[in-house]
Every structure is written in structure tokens, then in C-alpha cells.
């Protein structure tokens, strides 16, 4: 297993829609293991393949550090098939280090995907798990956290962030 580089804003791969995964093979299993190790090393609760430079529809989520009775979830080609309610909460992203914002998300979601063994699964989630699943699926669509805030806040962030990188 290996720790992979987490791509940071404004890396172009973060803006691309990820490709569907057609084949579950040894390379995919290694990628999953590497993503898991990378997420834990970064103290994250979720990671999407585009965040490590791979434009594939793969996410991992583990909210157990902050939410009881949860564990590691690996989802290939995930999609939200139902959602309801709305909740405002603070959110951050490994690809936007140091940036936190309050954001509205759906309170409950039903997500369908394939696990790492090729079995189709559905996950009913609420609270932090629902938020994490929505956040990671956004990455597969090329949507970043800053794409969900007002244009003014986005421009202020962009200027401050790019200035800090000089």
C-alpha cells in the first residue's frame, strides 16, 4: 500500500466528471487500498479517486472517528437515488486545506453503488454520513465545495488561496 498525493485546488482533474468503472480487477483493489491508507493518513473521513488524480467513479468514506456505529465504505460508481430534508453544517475538504464553510446539504440520502467485491449495495444515510457521501459524489461530478458557495465568497477564497500559494 502507498500514500498517494492528494490533489489540491485549482488542479484541473478536480473539475472533470469522472469516468464509470467497468472492470473490477487487481489494479482497482490496489487503488482502493492506497486510497484508504491515504485518507486515514490525511485524517479525512472521505476521499474520491479524482482527488488523487484518477478520473474514476470511486469513493471511500469512514465517519467512524466522528460518528458511532459506522465503518469503512467503499463505493464504485455511486449515485444518489433518493434524498430528503435539508441541513446546514460546517464542511471542509482535503483538496481545499484550511477552508471551512457552512453549507446546506440533504439531511438523508439513499445511495446505490457497487462494493469492492462487485456486489450492488444501497446505503441509507443521515447526518454526517449523508453529508460525506454527497461531498464525495460531488467530486465525481467535478464539483468542489467552493462551487456550492456564493460567487462573492468563492472569489474571496480564490484570491486568498492563490495568494497564499505564491
C-alpha atoms as a PDB file:
ATOM      1  CA  UNK A   1       0.000   0.000   0.000  1.00  0.00           C
ATOM      2  CA  UNK A   2       1.071   3.563  -0.645  1.00  0.00           C
ATOM      3  CA  UNK A   3       0.243   7.066   0.469  1.00  0.00           C
ATOM      4  CA  UNK A   4      -0.894   8.987  -2.607  1.00  0.00           C
ATOM      5  CA  UNK A   5      -0.685  12.714  -3.274  1.00  0.00           C
ATOM      6  CA  UNK A   6      -3.989  14.485  -2.657  1.00  0.00           C
ATOM      7  CA  UNK A   7      -4.628  16.946  -5.452  1.00  0.00           C
ATOM      8  CA  UNK A   8      -5.360  20.483  -4.330  1.00  0.00           C
ATOM      9  CA  UNK A   9      -7.413  23.289  -5.824  1.00  0.00           C
ATOM     10  CA  UNK A  10      -7.047  24.518  -8.602  1.00  0.00           C
ATOM     11  CA  UNK A  11      -5.862  21.181 -10.113  1.00  0.00           C
ATOM     12  CA  UNK A  12      -7.852  20.625 -13.327  1.00  0.00           C
ATOM     13  CA  UNK A  13      -8.704  16.971 -12.586  1.00  0.00           C
ATOM     14  CA  UNK A  14     -10.881  18.161  -9.703  1.00  0.00           C
ATOM     15  CA  UNK A  15     -13.176  19.907 -12.221  1.00  0.00           C
ATOM     16  CA  UNK A  16     -13.649  16.918 -14.555  1.00  0.00           C
ATOM     17  CA  UNK A  17     -16.530  14.463 -14.432  1.00  0.00           C
ATOM     18  CA  UNK A  18     -15.093  11.052 -13.505  1.00  0.00           C
ATOM     19  CA  UNK A  19     -15.438   8.005 -15.748  1.00  0.00           C
ATOM     20  CA  UNK A  20     -17.529   4.974 -14.863  1.00  0.00           C
ATOM     21  CA  UNK A  21     -15.583   1.927 -13.699  1.00  0.00           C
ATOM     22  CA  UNK A  22     -16.218  -1.068 -15.929  1.00  0.00           C
ATOM     23  CA  UNK A  23     -13.783  -3.664 -14.563  1.00  0.00           C
ATOM     24  CA  UNK A  24     -13.062  -4.791 -11.012  1.00  0.00           C
ATOM     25  CA  UNK A  25      -9.517  -6.130 -11.116  1.00  0.00           C
ATOM     26  CA  UNK A  26      -6.335  -6.250  -9.064  1.00  0.00           C
ATOM     27  CA  UNK A  27      -5.356  -2.726 -10.102  1.00  0.00           C
ATOM     28  CA  UNK A  28      -8.656  -1.386  -8.759  1.00  0.00           C
ATOM     29  CA  UNK A  29      -8.225  -3.309  -5.496  1.00  0.00           C
ATOM     30  CA  UNK A  30      -4.737  -1.815  -5.059  1.00  0.00           C
ATOM     31  CA  UNK A  31      -6.110   1.659  -5.797  1.00  0.00           C
ATOM     32  CA  UNK A  32      -8.811   1.148  -3.142  1.00  0.00           C
ATOM     33  CA  UNK A  33      -6.213   0.057  -0.562  1.00  0.00           C
ATOM     34  CA  UNK A  34      -3.980   3.024  -1.413  1.00  0.00           C
ATOM     35  CA  UNK A  35      -6.921   5.442  -1.169  1.00  0.00           C
ATOM     36  CA  UNK A  36      -7.884   4.047   2.236  1.00  0.00           C
ATOM     37  CA  UNK A  37      -4.340   4.455   3.548  1.00  0.00           C
ATOM     38  CA  UNK A  38      -4.135   7.968   2.073  1.00  0.00           C
ATOM     39  CA  UNK A  39      -7.453   9.062   3.609  1.00  0.00           C
ATOM     40  CA  UNK A  40      -6.519   7.814   7.085  1.00  0.00           C
ATOM     41  CA  UNK A  41      -3.053   9.402   6.885  1.00  0.00           C
ATOM     42  CA  UNK A  42      -4.688  12.756   5.987  1.00  0.00           C
ATOM     43  CA  UNK A  43      -7.204  12.409   8.858  1.00  0.00           C
ATOM     44  CA  UNK A  44     -10.084  12.611   6.392  1.00  0.00           C
ATOM     45  CA  UNK A  45     -13.483  10.955   6.523  1.00  0.00           C
ATOM     46  CA  UNK A  46     -13.800  10.583   2.760  1.00  0.00           C
ATOM     47  CA  UNK A  47     -11.803  10.526  -0.443  1.00  0.00           C
ATOM     48  CA  UNK A  48     -12.753  10.358  -4.120  1.00  0.00           C
ATOM     49  CA  UNK A  49     -10.483   8.981  -6.842  1.00  0.00           C
ATOM     50  CA  UNK A  50     -10.225  12.351  -8.662  1.00  0.00           C
ATOM     51  CA  UNK A  51      -8.655  13.777  -5.501  1.00  0.00           C
ATOM     52  CA  UNK A  52      -5.658  11.510  -6.046  1.00  0.00           C
ATOM     53  CA  UNK A  53      -5.523  12.198  -9.787  1.00  0.00           C
ATOM     54  CA  UNK A  54      -7.577   9.235 -11.036  1.00  0.00           C
ATOM     55  CA  UNK A  55     -10.670  10.184 -13.043  1.00  0.00           C
ATOM     56  CA  UNK A  56     -12.744   7.160 -11.991  1.00  0.00           C
ATOM     57  CA  UNK A  57     -16.062   6.888 -10.120  1.00  0.00           C
ATOM     58  CA  UNK A  58     -14.723   5.528  -6.832  1.00  0.00           C
ATOM     59  CA  UNK A  59     -15.167   6.885  -3.310  1.00  0.00           C
ATOM     60  CA  UNK A  60     -14.285   5.768   0.179  1.00  0.00           C
ATOM     61  CA  UNK A  61     -15.907   7.071   3.356  1.00  0.00           C
ATOM     62  CA  UNK A  62     -15.327   6.347   7.032  1.00  0.00           C
ATOM     63  CA  UNK A  63     -17.131   8.610   9.501  1.00  0.00           C
ATOM     64  CA  UNK A  64     -16.368   6.345  12.485  1.00  0.00           C
ATOM     65  CA  UNK A  65     -13.941   8.827  14.075  1.00  0.00           C
ATOM     66  CA  UNK A  66     -16.879  11.230  14.488  1.00  0.00           C
ATOM     67  CA  UNK A  67     -19.985   9.019  14.285  1.00  0.00           C
ATOM     68  CA  UNK A  68     -20.732   5.830  16.211  1.00  0.00           C
ATOM     69  CA  UNK A  69     -21.740   2.568  14.531  1.00  0.00           C
ATOM     70  CA  UNK A  70     -20.113   3.463  11.224  1.00  0.00           C
ATOM     71  CA  UNK A  71     -17.244   1.872   9.383  1.00  0.00           C
ATOM     72  CA  UNK A  72     -15.345   1.967   6.138  1.00  0.00           C
ATOM     73  CA  UNK A  73     -17.461   2.199   2.992  1.00  0.00           C
ATOM     74  CA  UNK A  74     -16.057   1.616  -0.492  1.00  0.00           C
ATOM     75  CA  UNK A  75     -18.378   2.555  -3.353  1.00  0.00           C
ATOM     76  CA  UNK A  76     -17.756   2.050  -7.043  1.00  0.00           C
ATOM     77  CA  UNK A  77     -19.958   4.041  -9.433  1.00  0.00           C
ATOM     78  CA  UNK A  78     -22.081   5.502  -6.613  1.00  0.00           C
ATOM     79  CA  UNK A  79     -25.216   7.512  -7.280  1.00  0.00           C
ATOM     80  CA  UNK A  80     -27.733   9.232  -5.063  1.00  0.00           C
ATOM     81  CA  UNK A  81     -31.131   7.748  -5.877  1.00  0.00           C
ATOM     82  CA  UNK A  82     -33.207   9.479  -3.185  1.00  0.00           C
ATOM     83  CA  UNK A  83     -32.752  12.407  -0.858  1.00  0.00           C
ATOM     84  CA  UNK A  84     -34.846  14.419   1.562  1.00  0.00           C
ATOM     85  CA  UNK A  85     -34.677  17.153   4.124  1.00  0.00           C
ATOM     86  CA  UNK A  86     -32.072  19.831   4.417  1.00  0.00           C
ATOM     87  CA  UNK A  87     -29.425  20.618   6.988  1.00  0.00           C
ATOM     88  CA  UNK A  88     -26.864  23.394   7.358  1.00  0.00           C
ATOM     89  CA  UNK A  89     -23.494  22.332   8.725  1.00  0.00           C
ATOM     90  CA  UNK A  90     -19.788  23.131   8.533  1.00  0.00           C
ATOM     91  CA  UNK A  91     -17.786  21.292   5.906  1.00  0.00           C
ATOM     92  CA  UNK A  92     -14.176  21.084   4.770  1.00  0.00           C
ATOM     93  CA  UNK A  93     -12.241  19.237   2.061  1.00  0.00           C
ATOM     94  CA  UNK A  94      -8.823  17.587   1.786  1.00  0.00           C
ATOM     95  CA  UNK A  95      -8.402  19.282  -1.609  1.00  0.00           C
ATOM     96  CA  UNK A  96      -9.041  22.716  -0.058  1.00  0.00           C
ATOM     97  CA  UNK A  97      -6.798  22.665   3.023  1.00  0.00           C
ATOM     98  CA  UNK A  98      -7.767  25.115   5.735  1.00  0.00           C
ATOM     99  CA  UNK A  99     -11.077  26.078   4.124  1.00  0.00           C
ATOM    100  CA  UNK A 100     -14.272  25.520   6.100  1.00  0.00           C
ATOM    101  CA  UNK A 101     -17.732  26.767   5.205  1.00  0.00           C
ATOM    102  CA  UNK A 102     -21.315  26.286   6.316  1.00  0.00           C
ATOM    103  CA  UNK A 103     -23.220  24.536   3.566  1.00  0.00           C
ATOM    104  CA  UNK A 104     -26.728  23.180   3.004  1.00  0.00           C
ATOM    105  CA  UNK A 105     -26.920  19.511   2.091  1.00  0.00           C
ATOM    106  CA  UNK A 106     -29.683  16.945   2.022  1.00  0.00           C
ATOM    107  CA  UNK A 107     -30.293  15.540   5.501  1.00  0.00           C
ATOM    108  CA  UNK A 108     -30.907  11.966   4.351  1.00  0.00           C
ATOM    109  CA  UNK A 109     -29.812  10.119   1.217  1.00  0.00           C
ATOM    110  CA  UNK A 110     -30.142   6.704  -0.352  1.00  0.00           C
ATOM    111  CA  UNK A 111     -27.013   5.854  -2.337  1.00  0.00           C
ATOM    112  CA  UNK A 112     -26.561   2.915  -4.688  1.00  0.00           C
ATOM    113  CA  UNK A 113     -23.241   1.579  -5.887  1.00  0.00           C
ATOM    114  CA  UNK A 114     -21.041  -1.485  -6.034  1.00  0.00           C
ATOM    115  CA  UNK A 115     -18.766  -2.636  -3.216  1.00  0.00           C
ATOM    116  CA  UNK A 116     -15.179  -3.699  -3.802  1.00  0.00           C
ATOM    117  CA  UNK A 117     -16.271  -7.315  -4.335  1.00  0.00           C
ATOM    118  CA  UNK A 118     -18.668  -6.377  -7.144  1.00  0.00           C
ATOM    119  CA  UNK A 119     -21.879  -6.659  -5.127  1.00  0.00           C
ATOM    120  CA  UNK A 120     -24.517  -3.966  -5.676  1.00  0.00           C
ATOM    121  CA  UNK A 121     -25.375  -2.235  -2.403  1.00  0.00           C
ATOM    122  CA  UNK A 122     -27.658   0.509  -1.175  1.00  0.00           C
ATOM    123  CA  UNK A 123     -26.825   2.707   1.796  1.00  0.00           C
ATOM    124  CA  UNK A 124     -29.378   4.741   3.691  1.00  0.00           C
ATOM    125  CA  UNK A 125     -27.557   7.565   5.420  1.00  0.00           C
ATOM    126  CA  UNK A 126     -28.285  10.605   7.503  1.00  0.00           C
ATOM    127  CA  UNK A 127     -26.255  13.172   9.372  1.00  0.00           C
ATOM    128  CA  UNK A 128     -22.500  13.167   8.855  1.00  0.00           C
ATOM    129  CA  UNK A 129     -22.502  10.012   6.714  1.00  0.00           C
ATOM    130  CA  UNK A 130     -25.095  11.516   4.351  1.00  0.00           C
ATOM    131  CA  UNK A 131     -23.030  14.715   4.121  1.00  0.00           C
ATOM    132  CA  UNK A 132     -19.798  12.790   3.439  1.00  0.00           C
ATOM    133  CA  UNK A 133     -21.414  10.665   0.712  1.00  0.00           C
ATOM    134  CA  UNK A 134     -22.828  13.761  -1.000  1.00  0.00           C
ATOM    135  CA  UNK A 135     -19.466  15.538  -0.754  1.00  0.00           C
ATOM    136  CA  UNK A 136     -17.513  12.644  -2.289  1.00  0.00           C
ATOM    137  CA  UNK A 137     -20.083  12.057  -5.048  1.00  0.00           C
ATOM    138  CA  UNK A 138     -19.790  15.783  -5.853  1.00  0.00           C
ATOM    139  CA  UNK A 139     -16.084  15.163  -6.534  1.00  0.00           C
ATOM    140  CA  UNK A 140     -17.059  12.536  -9.126  1.00  0.00           C
ATOM    141  CA  UNK A 141     -19.130  15.189 -10.889  1.00  0.00           C
ATOM    142  CA  UNK A 142     -16.281  17.717 -10.871  1.00  0.00           C
ATOM    143  CA  UNK A 143     -17.956  19.819  -8.183  1.00  0.00           C
ATOM    144  CA  UNK A 144     -15.887  21.262  -5.368  1.00  0.00           C
ATOM    145  CA  UNK A 145     -17.040  22.668  -2.060  1.00  0.00           C
ATOM    146  CA  UNK A 146     -16.346  26.187  -3.301  1.00  0.00           C
ATOM    147  CA  UNK A 147     -18.695  25.602  -6.246  1.00  0.00           C
ATOM    148  CA  UNK A 148     -21.547  25.423  -3.726  1.00  0.00           C
ATOM    149  CA  UNK A 149     -20.897  28.799  -2.081  1.00  0.00           C
ATOM    150  CA  UNK A 150     -21.853  32.267  -3.297  1.00  0.00           C
ATOM    151  CA  UNK A 151     -19.841  33.825  -6.137  1.00  0.00           C
ATOM    152  CA  UNK A 152     -18.558  36.544  -3.797  1.00  0.00           C
ATOM    153  CA  UNK A 153     -17.311  34.073  -1.167  1.00  0.00           C
ATOM    154  CA  UNK A 154     -15.800  31.932  -3.939  1.00  0.00           C
ATOM    155  CA  UNK A 155     -13.859  34.862  -5.404  1.00  0.00           C
ATOM    156  CA  UNK A 156     -12.628  35.930  -1.962  1.00  0.00           C
ATOM    157  CA  UNK A 157     -11.485  32.372  -1.264  1.00  0.00           C
ATOM    158  CA  UNK A 158      -9.832  32.040  -4.670  1.00  0.00           C
ATOM    159  CA  UNK A 159      -7.829  35.261  -4.237  1.00  0.00           C
ATOM    160  CA  UNK A 160      -6.756  34.431  -0.673  1.00  0.00           C
ATOM    161  CA  UNK A 161      -5.872  30.822  -1.534  1.00  0.00           C
ATOM    162  CA  UNK A 162      -3.884  31.618  -4.666  1.00  0.00           C
ATOM    163  CA  UNK A 163      -2.064  34.446  -2.857  1.00  0.00           C
ATOM    164  CA  UNK A 164      -1.066  32.024  -0.083  1.00  0.00           C
ATOM    165  CA  UNK A 165       0.446  29.649  -2.689  1.00  0.00           C
ATOM    166  CA  UNK A 166       2.832  32.298  -4.079  1.00  0.00           C
END
